[in-house]
């Protein structure tokens, strides 16, 4: 997939529980989001889940939201729809990505 020049890639990370299956493969959870630079609209995402279907599901939740302005709605939707062991880690990684985006916007 090709992305427009007005997009940026931001990586949010969080710690994961040792009980989570992700811990067998990775030390941290990451969620990468591709955003329109000016609006913060999420146009694509990826994450390091054990199964592709889980990554695809997280992507279906995130795409279309605006990372800066819609963070409460994003968190609510993750809490309402994603009941995987990594729910809290996913929320933390999205919030980390938002914080990094806000720092970029301030530059």
PDB file of N, CA and C in Angstrom:
ATOM      1  N   UNK A   1       0.849  -1.182   0.000  1.00  0.00           N
ATOM      2  CA  UNK A   1       0.000   0.000   0.000  1.00  0.00           C
ATOM      3  C   UNK A   1       0.892   1.241   0.000  1.00  0.00           C
ATOM      4  N   UNK A   2       0.483   2.232  -0.737  1.00  0.00           N
ATOM      5  CA  UNK A   2       1.226   3.483  -0.822  1.00  0.00           C
ATOM      6  C   UNK A   2       0.510   4.551  -0.001  1.00  0.00           C
ATOM      7  N   UNK A   3       1.283   5.412   0.634  1.00  0.00           N
ATOM      8  CA  UNK A   3       0.715   6.440   1.497  1.00  0.00           C
ATOM      9  C   UNK A   3       1.072   7.823   0.964  1.00  0.00           C
ATOM     10  N   UNK A   4       0.179   8.757   1.149  1.00  0.00           N
ATOM     11  CA  UNK A   4       0.375  10.132   0.701  1.00  0.00           C
ATOM     12  C   UNK A   4       1.528  10.777   1.478  1.00  0.00           C
ATOM     13  N   UNK A   5       2.099  11.825   0.915  1.00  0.00           N
ATOM     14  CA  UNK A   5       3.215  12.524   1.558  1.00  0.00           C
ATOM     15  C   UNK A   5       2.797  13.276   2.815  1.00  0.00           C
ATOM     16  N   UNK A   6       1.509  13.490   2.996  1.00  0.00           N
ATOM     17  CA  UNK A   6       1.042  14.194   4.194  1.00  0.00           C
ATOM     18  C   UNK A   6       0.756  13.240   5.352  1.00  0.00           C
ATOM     19  N   UNK A   7       1.303  12.019   5.274  1.00  0.00           N
ATOM     20  CA  UNK A   7       1.085  11.049   6.342  1.00  0.00           C
ATOM     21  C   UNK A   7       2.357  10.868   7.163  1.00  0.00           C
ATOM     22  N   UNK A   8       2.181  10.441   8.402  1.00  0.00           N
ATOM     23  CA  UNK A   8       3.293  10.111   9.293  1.00  0.00           C
ATOM     24  C   UNK A   8       3.006   8.770   9.955  1.00  0.00           C
ATOM     25  N   UNK A   9       4.081   8.086  10.326  1.00  0.00           N
ATOM     26  CA  UNK A   9       3.975   6.819  11.041  1.00  0.00           C
ATOM     27  C   UNK A   9       4.429   7.062  12.475  1.00  0.00           C
ATOM     28  N   UNK A  10       3.599   6.666  13.406  1.00  0.00           N
ATOM     29  CA  UNK A  10       3.918   6.848  14.824  1.00  0.00           C
ATOM     30  C   UNK A  10       3.754   5.505  15.527  1.00  0.00           C
ATOM     31  N   UNK A  11       4.710   5.190  16.377  1.00  0.00           N
ATOM     32  CA  UNK A  11       4.704   3.921  17.095  1.00  0.00           C
ATOM     33  C   UNK A  11       4.438   4.164  18.573  1.00  0.00           C
ATOM     34  N   UNK A  12       3.396   3.548  19.080  1.00  0.00           N
ATOM     35  CA  UNK A  12       3.104   3.580  20.507  1.00  0.00           C
ATOM     36  C   UNK A  12       3.457   2.231  21.103  1.00  0.00           C
ATOM     37  N   UNK A  13       4.000   2.245  22.314  1.00  0.00           N
ATOM     38  CA  UNK A  13       4.407   0.998  22.957  1.00  0.00           C
ATOM     39  C   UNK A  13       3.843   0.909  24.374  1.00  0.00           C
ATOM     40  N   UNK A  14       3.788  -0.304  24.888  1.00  0.00           N
ATOM     41  CA  UNK A  14       3.375  -0.521  26.276  1.00  0.00           C
ATOM     42  C   UNK A  14       3.916  -1.864  26.752  1.00  0.00           C
ATOM     43  N   UNK A  15       3.971  -2.013  28.057  1.00  0.00           N
ATOM     44  CA  UNK A  15       4.390  -3.281  28.656  1.00  0.00           C
ATOM     45  C   UNK A  15       3.224  -4.262  28.585  1.00  0.00           C
ATOM     46  N   UNK A  16       3.568  -5.528  28.534  1.00  0.00           N
ATOM     47  CA  UNK A  16       2.540  -6.560  28.504  1.00  0.00           C
ATOM     48  C   UNK A  16       2.701  -7.489  29.701  1.00  0.00           C
ATOM     49  N   UNK A  17       1.597  -8.085  30.087  1.00  0.00           N
ATOM     50  CA  UNK A  17       1.594  -9.034  31.190  1.00  0.00           C
ATOM     51  C   UNK A  17       2.361 -10.291  30.785  1.00  0.00           C
ATOM     52  N   UNK A  18       3.062 -10.886  31.729  1.00  0.00           N
ATOM     53  CA  UNK A  18       3.799 -12.114  31.445  1.00  0.00           C
ATOM     54  C   UNK A  18       2.849 -13.270  31.108  1.00  0.00           C
ATOM     55  N   UNK A  19       1.572 -13.151  31.498  1.00  0.00           N
ATOM     56  CA  UNK A  19       0.574 -14.189  31.206  1.00  0.00           C
ATOM     57  C   UNK A  19       0.088 -14.125  29.768  1.00  0.00           C
ATOM     58  N   UNK A  20       0.245 -12.987  29.125  1.00  0.00           N
ATOM     59  CA  UNK A  20      -0.290 -12.776  27.783  1.00  0.00           C
ATOM     60  C   UNK A  20       0.509 -13.590  26.770  1.00  0.00           C
ATOM     61  N   UNK A  21      -0.154 -14.247  25.824  1.00  0.00           N
ATOM     62  CA  UNK A  21       0.562 -15.015  24.795  1.00  0.00           C
ATOM     63  C   UNK A  21       1.583 -14.180  24.017  1.00  0.00           C
ATOM     64  N   UNK A  22       1.366 -12.882  23.927  1.00  0.00           N
ATOM     65  CA  UNK A  22       2.309 -12.010  23.220  1.00  0.00           C
ATOM     66  C   UNK A  22       3.685 -12.065  23.893  1.00  0.00           C
ATOM     67  N   UNK A  23       3.699 -12.248  25.205  1.00  0.00           N
ATOM     68  CA  UNK A  23       4.949 -12.250  25.967  1.00  0.00           C
ATOM     69  C   UNK A  23       5.882 -13.385  25.545  1.00  0.00           C
ATOM     70  N   UNK A  24       5.337 -14.449  24.974  1.00  0.00           N
ATOM     71  CA  UNK A  24       6.173 -15.554  24.503  1.00  0.00           C
ATOM     72  C   UNK A  24       7.017 -15.141  23.296  1.00  0.00           C
ATOM     73  N   UNK A  25       6.562 -14.114  22.581  1.00  0.00           N
ATOM     74  CA  UNK A  25       7.264 -13.671  21.376  1.00  0.00           C
ATOM     75  C   UNK A  25       7.924 -12.309  21.496  1.00  0.00           C
ATOM     76  N   UNK A  26       7.311 -11.420  22.280  1.00  0.00           N
ATOM     77  CA  UNK A  26       7.762 -10.027  22.332  1.00  0.00           C
ATOM     78  C   UNK A  26       7.871  -9.543  23.776  1.00  0.00           C
ATOM     79  N   UNK A  27       8.739  -8.570  23.974  1.00  0.00           N
ATOM     80  CA  UNK A  27       8.888  -7.960  25.294  1.00  0.00           C
ATOM     81  C   UNK A  27       7.905  -6.821  25.521  1.00  0.00           C
ATOM     82  N   UNK A  28       7.479  -6.202  24.419  1.00  0.00           N
ATOM     83  CA  UNK A  28       6.541  -5.084  24.509  1.00  0.00           C
ATOM     84  C   UNK A  28       5.454  -5.248  23.456  1.00  0.00           C
ATOM     85  N   UNK A  29       4.359  -4.552  23.680  1.00  0.00           N
ATOM     86  CA  UNK A  29       3.306  -4.463  22.673  1.00  0.00           C
ATOM     87  C   UNK A  29       3.546  -3.159  21.922  1.00  0.00           C
ATOM     88  N   UNK A  30       3.442  -3.211  20.617  1.00  0.00           N
ATOM     89  CA  UNK A  30       3.493  -1.967  19.872  1.00  0.00           C
ATOM     90  C   UNK A  30       2.283  -1.843  18.973  1.00  0.00           C
ATOM     91  N   UNK A  31       1.858  -0.614  18.795  1.00  0.00           N
ATOM     92  CA  UNK A  31       0.825  -0.283  17.829  1.00  0.00           C
ATOM     93  C   UNK A  31       1.377   0.850  16.977  1.00  0.00           C
ATOM     94  N   UNK A  32       1.499   0.592  15.701  1.00  0.00           N
ATOM     95  CA  UNK A  32       1.936   1.610  14.754  1.00  0.00           C
ATOM     96  C   UNK A  32       0.713   2.166  14.049  1.00  0.00           C
ATOM     97  N   UNK A  33       0.620   3.476  13.989  1.00  0.00           N
ATOM     98  CA  UNK A  33      -0.498   4.112  13.289  1.00  0.00           C
ATOM     99  C   UNK A  33       0.043   5.035  12.210  1.00  0.00           C
ATOM    100  N   UNK A  34      -0.622   5.027  11.070  1.00  0.00           N
ATOM    101  CA  UNK A  34      -0.310   5.956   9.993  1.00  0.00           C
ATOM    102  C   UNK A  34      -1.421   6.987   9.989  1.00  0.00           C
ATOM    103  N   UNK A  35      -0.999   8.249  10.140  1.00  0.00           N
ATOM    104  CA  UNK A  35      -1.943   9.357  10.320  1.00  0.00           C
ATOM    105  C   UNK A  35      -1.768  10.389   9.230  1.00  0.00           C
ATOM    106  N   UNK A  36      -2.866  11.094   8.948  1.00  0.00           N
ATOM    107  CA  UNK A  36      -2.733  12.325   8.188  1.00  0.00           C
ATOM    108  C   UNK A  36      -2.067  13.319   9.127  1.00  0.00           C
ATOM    109  N   UNK A  37      -0.966  13.910   8.696  1.00  0.00           N
ATOM    110  CA  UNK A  37      -0.156  14.761   9.568  1.00  0.00           C
ATOM    111  C   UNK A  37      -0.965  15.901  10.190  1.00  0.00           C
ATOM    112  N   UNK A  38      -1.774  16.579   9.394  1.00  0.00           N
ATOM    113  CA  UNK A  38      -2.475  17.770   9.878  1.00  0.00           C
ATOM    114  C   UNK A  38      -3.697  17.460  10.734  1.00  0.00           C
ATOM    115  N   UNK A  39      -4.441  16.440  10.362  1.00  0.00           N
ATOM    116  CA  UNK A  39      -5.700  16.173  11.061  1.00  0.00           C
ATOM    117  C   UNK A  39      -5.580  15.119  12.149  1.00  0.00           C
ATOM    118  N   UNK A  40      -4.581  14.246  12.055  1.00  0.00           N
ATOM    119  CA  UNK A  40      -4.451  13.157  13.011  1.00  0.00           C
ATOM    120  C   UNK A  40      -5.375  11.990  12.727  1.00  0.00           C
ATOM    121  N   UNK A  41      -6.026  12.003  11.570  1.00  0.00           N
ATOM    122  CA  UNK A  41      -6.930  10.905  11.223  1.00  0.00           C
ATOM    123  C   UNK A  41      -6.115   9.641  10.957  1.00  0.00           C
ATOM    124  N   UNK A  42      -6.516   8.551  11.608  1.00  0.00           N
ATOM    125  CA  UNK A  42      -5.824   7.267  11.446  1.00  0.00           C
ATOM    126  C   UNK A  42      -6.284   6.638  10.140  1.00  0.00           C
ATOM    127  N   UNK A  43      -5.332   6.379   9.241  1.00  0.00           N
ATOM    128  CA  UNK A  43      -5.697   5.767   7.967  1.00  0.00           C
ATOM    129  C   UNK A  43      -5.238   4.320   7.858  1.00  0.00           C
ATOM    130  N   UNK A  44      -4.335   3.911   8.741  1.00  0.00           N
ATOM    131  CA  UNK A  44      -3.905   2.513   8.756  1.00  0.00           C
ATOM    132  C   UNK A  44      -3.230   2.239  10.099  1.00  0.00           C
ATOM    133  N   UNK A  45      -3.108   0.973  10.450  1.00  0.00           N
ATOM    134  CA  UNK A  45      -2.418   0.617  11.687  1.00  0.00           C
ATOM    135  C   UNK A  45      -1.900  -0.807  11.610  1.00  0.00           C
ATOM    136  N   UNK A  46      -0.998  -1.097  12.507  1.00  0.00           N
ATOM    137  CA  UNK A  46      -0.449  -2.437  12.652  1.00  0.00           C
ATOM    138  C   UNK A  46      -0.106  -2.640  14.123  1.00  0.00           C
ATOM    139  N   UNK A  47      -0.037  -3.881  14.549  1.00  0.00           N
ATOM    140  CA  UNK A  47       0.405  -4.175  15.908  1.00  0.00           C
ATOM    141  C   UNK A  47       0.994  -5.576  15.947  1.00  0.00           C
ATOM    142  N   UNK A  48       1.754  -5.859  16.965  1.00  0.00           N
ATOM    143  CA  UNK A  48       2.466  -7.137  17.052  1.00  0.00           C
ATOM    144  C   UNK A  48       1.707  -8.160  17.898  1.00  0.00           C
ATOM    145  N   UNK A  49       0.512  -8.472  17.471  1.00  0.00           N
ATOM    146  CA  UNK A  49      -0.257  -9.522  18.134  1.00  0.00           C
ATOM    147  C   UNK A  49       0.193 -10.889  17.638  1.00  0.00           C
ATOM    148  N   UNK A  50      -0.154 -11.928  18.362  1.00  0.00           N
ATOM    149  CA  UNK A  50       0.231 -13.283  17.996  1.00  0.00           C
ATOM    150  C   UNK A  50      -0.488 -13.728  16.721  1.00  0.00           C
ATOM    151  N   UNK A  51      -1.730 -13.348  16.572  1.00  0.00           N
ATOM    152  CA  UNK A  51      -2.529 -13.744  15.411  1.00  0.00           C
ATOM    153  C   UNK A  51      -2.887 -12.527  14.561  1.00  0.00           C
ATOM    154  N   UNK A  52      -2.839 -12.724  13.241  1.00  0.00           N
ATOM    155  CA  UNK A  52      -3.176 -11.642  12.319  1.00  0.00           C
ATOM    156  C   UNK A  52      -4.606 -11.152  12.507  1.00  0.00           C
ATOM    157  N   UNK A  53      -5.509 -12.064  12.835  1.00  0.00           N
ATOM    158  CA  UNK A  53      -6.905 -11.660  13.002  1.00  0.00           C
ATOM    159  C   UNK A  53      -7.038 -10.644  14.138  1.00  0.00           C
ATOM    160  N   UNK A  54      -6.220 -10.782  15.166  1.00  0.00           N
ATOM    161  CA  UNK A  54      -6.258  -9.834  16.275  1.00  0.00           C
ATOM    162  C   UNK A  54      -5.754  -8.469  15.816  1.00  0.00           C
ATOM    163  N   UNK A  55      -4.654  -8.455  15.082  1.00  0.00           N
ATOM    164  CA  UNK A  55      -4.135  -7.196  14.535  1.00  0.00           C
ATOM    165  C   UNK A  55      -5.162  -6.536  13.624  1.00  0.00           C
ATOM    166  N   UNK A  56      -5.799  -7.341  12.791  1.00  0.00           N
ATOM    167  CA  UNK A  56      -6.828  -6.810  11.886  1.00  0.00           C
ATOM    168  C   UNK A  56      -8.006  -6.232  12.667  1.00  0.00           C
ATOM    169  N   UNK A  57      -8.364  -6.883  13.764  1.00  0.00           N
ATOM    170  CA  UNK A  57      -9.483  -6.403  14.571  1.00  0.00           C
ATOM    171  C   UNK A  57      -9.141  -5.068  15.226  1.00  0.00           C
ATOM    172  N   UNK A  58      -7.944  -4.958  15.794  1.00  0.00           N
ATOM    173  CA  UNK A  58      -7.507  -3.695  16.388  1.00  0.00           C
ATOM    174  C   UNK A  58      -7.516  -2.602  15.319  1.00  0.00           C
ATOM    175  N   UNK A  59      -7.021  -2.938  14.135  1.00  0.00           N
ATOM    176  CA  UNK A  59      -7.011  -1.984  13.029  1.00  0.00           C
ATOM    177  C   UNK A  59      -8.424  -1.514  12.713  1.00  0.00           C
ATOM    178  N   UNK A  60      -9.385  -2.431  12.696  1.00  0.00           N
ATOM    179  CA  UNK A  60     -10.770  -2.061  12.371  1.00  0.00           C
ATOM    180  C   UNK A  60     -11.357  -1.111  13.409  1.00  0.00           C
ATOM    181  N   UNK A  61     -10.871  -1.183  14.624  1.00  0.00           N
ATOM    182  CA  UNK A  61     -11.321  -0.262  15.669  1.00  0.00           C
ATOM    183  C   UNK A  61     -10.715   1.122  15.460  1.00  0.00           C
ATOM    184  N   UNK A  62      -9.431   1.181  15.124  1.00  0.00           N
ATOM    185  CA  UNK A  62      -8.701   2.450  15.095  1.00  0.00           C
ATOM    186  C   UNK A  62      -8.920   3.295  13.839  1.00  0.00           C
ATOM    187  N   UNK A  63      -8.967   2.640  12.684  1.00  0.00           N
ATOM    188  CA  UNK A  63      -9.014   3.384  11.425  1.00  0.00           C
ATOM    189  C   UNK A  63     -10.274   4.239  11.349  1.00  0.00           C
ATOM    190  N   UNK A  64     -10.051   5.504  10.986  1.00  0.00           N
ATOM    191  CA  UNK A  64     -11.150   6.455  10.844  1.00  0.00           C
ATOM    192  C   UNK A  64     -11.248   7.442  11.997  1.00  0.00           C
ATOM    193  N   UNK A  65     -10.724   7.056  13.152  1.00  0.00           N
ATOM    194  CA  UNK A  65     -10.717   7.980  14.287  1.00  0.00           C
ATOM    195  C   UNK A  65      -9.593   9.003  14.118  1.00  0.00           C
ATOM    196  N   UNK A  66      -9.710  10.111  14.823  1.00  0.00           N
ATOM    197  CA  UNK A  66      -8.659  11.122  14.891  1.00  0.00           C
ATOM    198  C   UNK A  66      -7.928  10.929  16.218  1.00  0.00           C
ATOM    199  N   UNK A  67      -6.637  10.642  16.134  1.00  0.00           N
ATOM    200  CA  UNK A  67      -5.881  10.268  17.321  1.00  0.00           C
ATOM    201  C   UNK A  67      -5.887  11.349  18.390  1.00  0.00           C
ATOM    202  N   UNK A  68      -5.813  12.603  17.988  1.00  0.00           N
ATOM    203  CA  UNK A  68      -5.785  13.694  18.970  1.00  0.00           C
ATOM    204  C   UNK A  68      -7.139  13.896  19.634  1.00  0.00           C
ATOM    205  N   UNK A  69      -8.182  14.034  18.835  1.00  0.00           N
ATOM    206  CA  UNK A  69      -9.485  14.457  19.346  1.00  0.00           C
ATOM    207  C   UNK A  69     -10.402  13.321  19.801  1.00  0.00           C
ATOM    208  N   UNK A  70     -10.177  12.117  19.316  1.00  0.00           N
ATOM    209  CA  UNK A  70     -11.114  11.016  19.576  1.00  0.00           C
ATOM    210  C   UNK A  70     -10.588   9.991  20.574  1.00  0.00           C
ATOM    211  N   UNK A  71      -9.596  10.352  21.383  1.00  0.00           N
ATOM    212  CA  UNK A  71      -8.967   9.362  22.255  1.00  0.00           C
ATOM    213  C   UNK A  71      -9.969   8.723  23.222  1.00  0.00           C
ATOM    214  N   UNK A  72     -10.903   9.477  23.755  1.00  0.00           N
ATOM    215  CA  UNK A  72     -11.883   8.890  24.678  1.00  0.00           C
ATOM    216  C   UNK A  72     -12.765   7.875  23.962  1.00  0.00           C
ATOM    217  N   UNK A  73     -13.170   8.190  22.735  1.00  0.00           N
ATOM    218  CA  UNK A  73     -13.992   7.261  21.957  1.00  0.00           C
ATOM    219  C   UNK A  73     -13.204   6.006  21.597  1.00  0.00           C
ATOM    220  N   UNK A  74     -11.925   6.182  21.263  1.00  0.00           N
ATOM    221  CA  UNK A  74     -11.078   5.031  20.946  1.00  0.00           C
ATOM    222  C   UNK A  74     -10.961   4.114  22.155  1.00  0.00           C
ATOM    223  N   UNK A  75     -10.671   4.692  23.315  1.00  0.00           N
ATOM    224  CA  UNK A  75     -10.537   3.888  24.539  1.00  0.00           C
ATOM    225  C   UNK A  75     -11.847   3.171  24.840  1.00  0.00           C
ATOM    226  N   UNK A  76     -12.965   3.882  24.728  1.00  0.00           N
ATOM    227  CA  UNK A  76     -14.267   3.256  24.996  1.00  0.00           C
ATOM    228  C   UNK A  76     -14.498   2.084  24.046  1.00  0.00           C
ATOM    229  N   UNK A  77     -14.197   2.285  22.762  1.00  0.00           N
ATOM    230  CA  UNK A  77     -14.452   1.211  21.798  1.00  0.00           C
ATOM    231  C   UNK A  77     -13.556  -0.002  22.050  1.00  0.00           C
ATOM    232  N   UNK A  78     -12.310   0.239  22.430  1.00  0.00           N
ATOM    233  CA  UNK A  78     -11.430  -0.885  22.778  1.00  0.00           C
ATOM    234  C   UNK A  78     -11.992  -1.625  23.990  1.00  0.00           C
ATOM    235  N   UNK A  79     -12.417  -0.885  25.007  1.00  0.00           N
ATOM    236  CA  UNK A  79     -12.985  -1.513  26.200  1.00  0.00           C
ATOM    237  C   UNK A  79     -14.283  -2.253  25.894  1.00  0.00           C
ATOM    238  N   UNK A  80     -15.050  -1.746  24.961  1.00  0.00           N
ATOM    239  CA  UNK A  80     -16.348  -2.327  24.627  1.00  0.00           C
ATOM    240  C   UNK A  80     -16.253  -3.521  23.681  1.00  0.00           C
ATOM    241  N   UNK A  81     -15.207  -3.558  22.856  1.00  0.00           N
ATOM    242  CA  UNK A  81     -15.157  -4.566  21.798  1.00  0.00           C
ATOM    243  C   UNK A  81     -14.000  -5.551  21.894  1.00  0.00           C
ATOM    244  N   UNK A  82     -12.897  -5.163  22.535  1.00  0.00           N
ATOM    245  CA  UNK A  82     -11.716  -6.021  22.568  1.00  0.00           C
ATOM    246  C   UNK A  82     -11.529  -6.591  23.971  1.00  0.00           C
ATOM    247  N   UNK A  83     -11.764  -7.890  24.102  1.00  0.00           N
ATOM    248  CA  UNK A  83     -11.671  -8.544  25.406  1.00  0.00           C
ATOM    249  C   UNK A  83     -10.477  -9.490  25.488  1.00  0.00           C
ATOM    250  N   UNK A  84      -9.434  -9.193  24.717  1.00  0.00           N
ATOM    251  CA  UNK A  84      -8.202  -9.969  24.793  1.00  0.00           C
ATOM    252  C   UNK A  84      -7.449  -9.628  26.065  1.00  0.00           C
ATOM    253  N   UNK A  85      -6.506 -10.492  26.419  1.00  0.00           N
ATOM    254  CA  UNK A  85      -5.711 -10.273  27.631  1.00  0.00           C
ATOM    255  C   UNK A  85      -4.940  -8.961  27.572  1.00  0.00           C
ATOM    256  N   UNK A  86      -4.645  -8.498  26.368  1.00  0.00           N
ATOM    257  CA  UNK A  86      -3.820  -7.300  26.194  1.00  0.00           C
ATOM    258  C   UNK A  86      -4.641  -6.011  26.118  1.00  0.00           C
ATOM    259  N   UNK A  87      -5.889  -6.034  26.558  1.00  0.00           N
ATOM    260  CA  UNK A  87      -6.743  -4.846  26.431  1.00  0.00           C
ATOM    261  C   UNK A  87      -6.089  -3.597  27.029  1.00  0.00           C
ATOM    262  N   UNK A  88      -5.614  -3.693  28.255  1.00  0.00           N
ATOM    263  CA  UNK A  88      -4.995  -2.527  28.908  1.00  0.00           C
ATOM    264  C   UNK A  88      -3.724  -2.105  28.180  1.00  0.00           C
ATOM    265  N   UNK A  89      -2.956  -3.066  27.705  1.00  0.00           N
ATOM    266  CA  UNK A  89      -1.727  -2.743  26.974  1.00  0.00           C
ATOM    267  C   UNK A  89      -2.040  -2.063  25.644  1.00  0.00           C
ATOM    268  N   UNK A  90      -3.101  -2.487  24.977  1.00  0.00           N
ATOM    269  CA  UNK A  90      -3.506  -1.846  23.720  1.00  0.00           C
ATOM    270  C   UNK A  90      -3.882  -0.389  23.986  1.00  0.00           C
ATOM    271  N   UNK A  91      -4.660  -0.155  25.013  1.00  0.00           N
ATOM    272  CA  UNK A  91      -5.058   1.213  25.367  1.00  0.00           C
ATOM    273  C   UNK A  91      -3.821   2.055  25.690  1.00  0.00           C
ATOM    274  N   UNK A  92      -2.903   1.494  26.465  1.00  0.00           N
ATOM    275  CA  UNK A  92      -1.690   2.231  26.827  1.00  0.00           C
ATOM    276  C   UNK A  92      -0.847   2.549  25.592  1.00  0.00           C
ATOM    277  N   UNK A  93      -0.749   1.613  24.650  1.00  0.00           N
ATOM    278  CA  UNK A  93       0.040   1.846  23.435  1.00  0.00           C
ATOM    279  C   UNK A  93      -0.608   2.916  22.557  1.00  0.00           C
ATOM    280  N   UNK A  94      -1.928   2.918  22.473  1.00  0.00           N
ATOM    281  CA  UNK A  94      -2.620   3.958  21.699  1.00  0.00           C
ATOM    282  C   UNK A  94      -2.408   5.323  22.350  1.00  0.00           C
ATOM    283  N   UNK A  95      -2.490   5.372  23.667  1.00  0.00           N
ATOM    284  CA  UNK A  95      -2.259   6.643  24.368  1.00  0.00           C
ATOM    285  C   UNK A  95      -0.810   7.104  24.184  1.00  0.00           C
ATOM    286  N   UNK A  96       0.132   6.172  24.169  1.00  0.00           N
ATOM    287  CA  UNK A  96       1.527   6.520  23.935  1.00  0.00           C
ATOM    288  C   UNK A  96       1.703   7.097  22.524  1.00  0.00           C
ATOM    289  N   UNK A  97       1.064   6.482  21.545  1.00  0.00           N
ATOM    290  CA  UNK A  97       1.120   7.006  20.175  1.00  0.00           C
ATOM    291  C   UNK A  97       0.526   8.409  20.125  1.00  0.00           C
ATOM    292  N   UNK A  98      -0.572   8.623  20.831  1.00  0.00           N
ATOM    293  CA  UNK A  98      -1.191   9.958  20.863  1.00  0.00           C
ATOM    294  C   UNK A  98      -0.225  10.982  21.457  1.00  0.00           C
ATOM    295  N   UNK A  99       0.430  10.626  22.555  1.00  0.00           N
ATOM    296  CA  UNK A  99       1.386  11.545  23.181  1.00  0.00           C
ATOM    297  C   UNK A  99       2.513  11.906  22.218  1.00  0.00           C
ATOM    298  N   UNK A 100       3.007  10.927  21.475  1.00  0.00           N
ATOM    299  CA  UNK A 100       4.073  11.193  20.508  1.00  0.00           C
ATOM    300  C   UNK A 100       3.561  12.091  19.380  1.00  0.00           C
ATOM    301  N   UNK A 101       2.341  11.847  18.935  1.00  0.00           N
ATOM    302  CA  UNK A 101       1.748  12.697  17.895  1.00  0.00           C
ATOM    303  C   UNK A 101       1.621  14.137  18.391  1.00  0.00           C
ATOM    304  N   UNK A 102       1.192  14.314  19.628  1.00  0.00           N
ATOM    305  CA  UNK A 102       1.043  15.655  20.188  1.00  0.00           C
ATOM    306  C   UNK A 102       2.389  16.366  20.253  1.00  0.00           C
ATOM    307  N   UNK A 103       3.458  15.637  20.568  1.00  0.00           N
ATOM    308  CA  UNK A 103       4.789  16.248  20.591  1.00  0.00           C
ATOM    309  C   UNK A 103       5.216  16.664  19.180  1.00  0.00           C
ATOM    310  N   UNK A 104       4.902  15.868  18.193  1.00  0.00           N
ATOM    311  CA  UNK A 104       5.226  16.202  16.804  1.00  0.00           C
ATOM    312  C   UNK A 104       4.458  17.452  16.373  1.00  0.00           C
ATOM    313  N   UNK A 105       3.196  17.517  16.755  1.00  0.00           N
ATOM    314  CA  UNK A 105       2.350  18.668  16.382  1.00  0.00           C
ATOM    315  C   UNK A 105       2.874  19.959  16.986  1.00  0.00           C
ATOM    316  N   UNK A 106       3.495  19.886  18.153  1.00  0.00           N
ATOM    317  CA  UNK A 106       4.011  21.072  18.823  1.00  0.00           C
ATOM    318  C   UNK A 106       5.282  21.607  18.172  1.00  0.00           C
ATOM    319  N   UNK A 107       5.964  20.790  17.392  1.00  0.00           N
ATOM    320  CA  UNK A 107       7.225  21.218  16.762  1.00  0.00           C
ATOM    321  C   UNK A 107       6.990  22.184  15.632  1.00  0.00           C
TER     322      UNK A 107
END
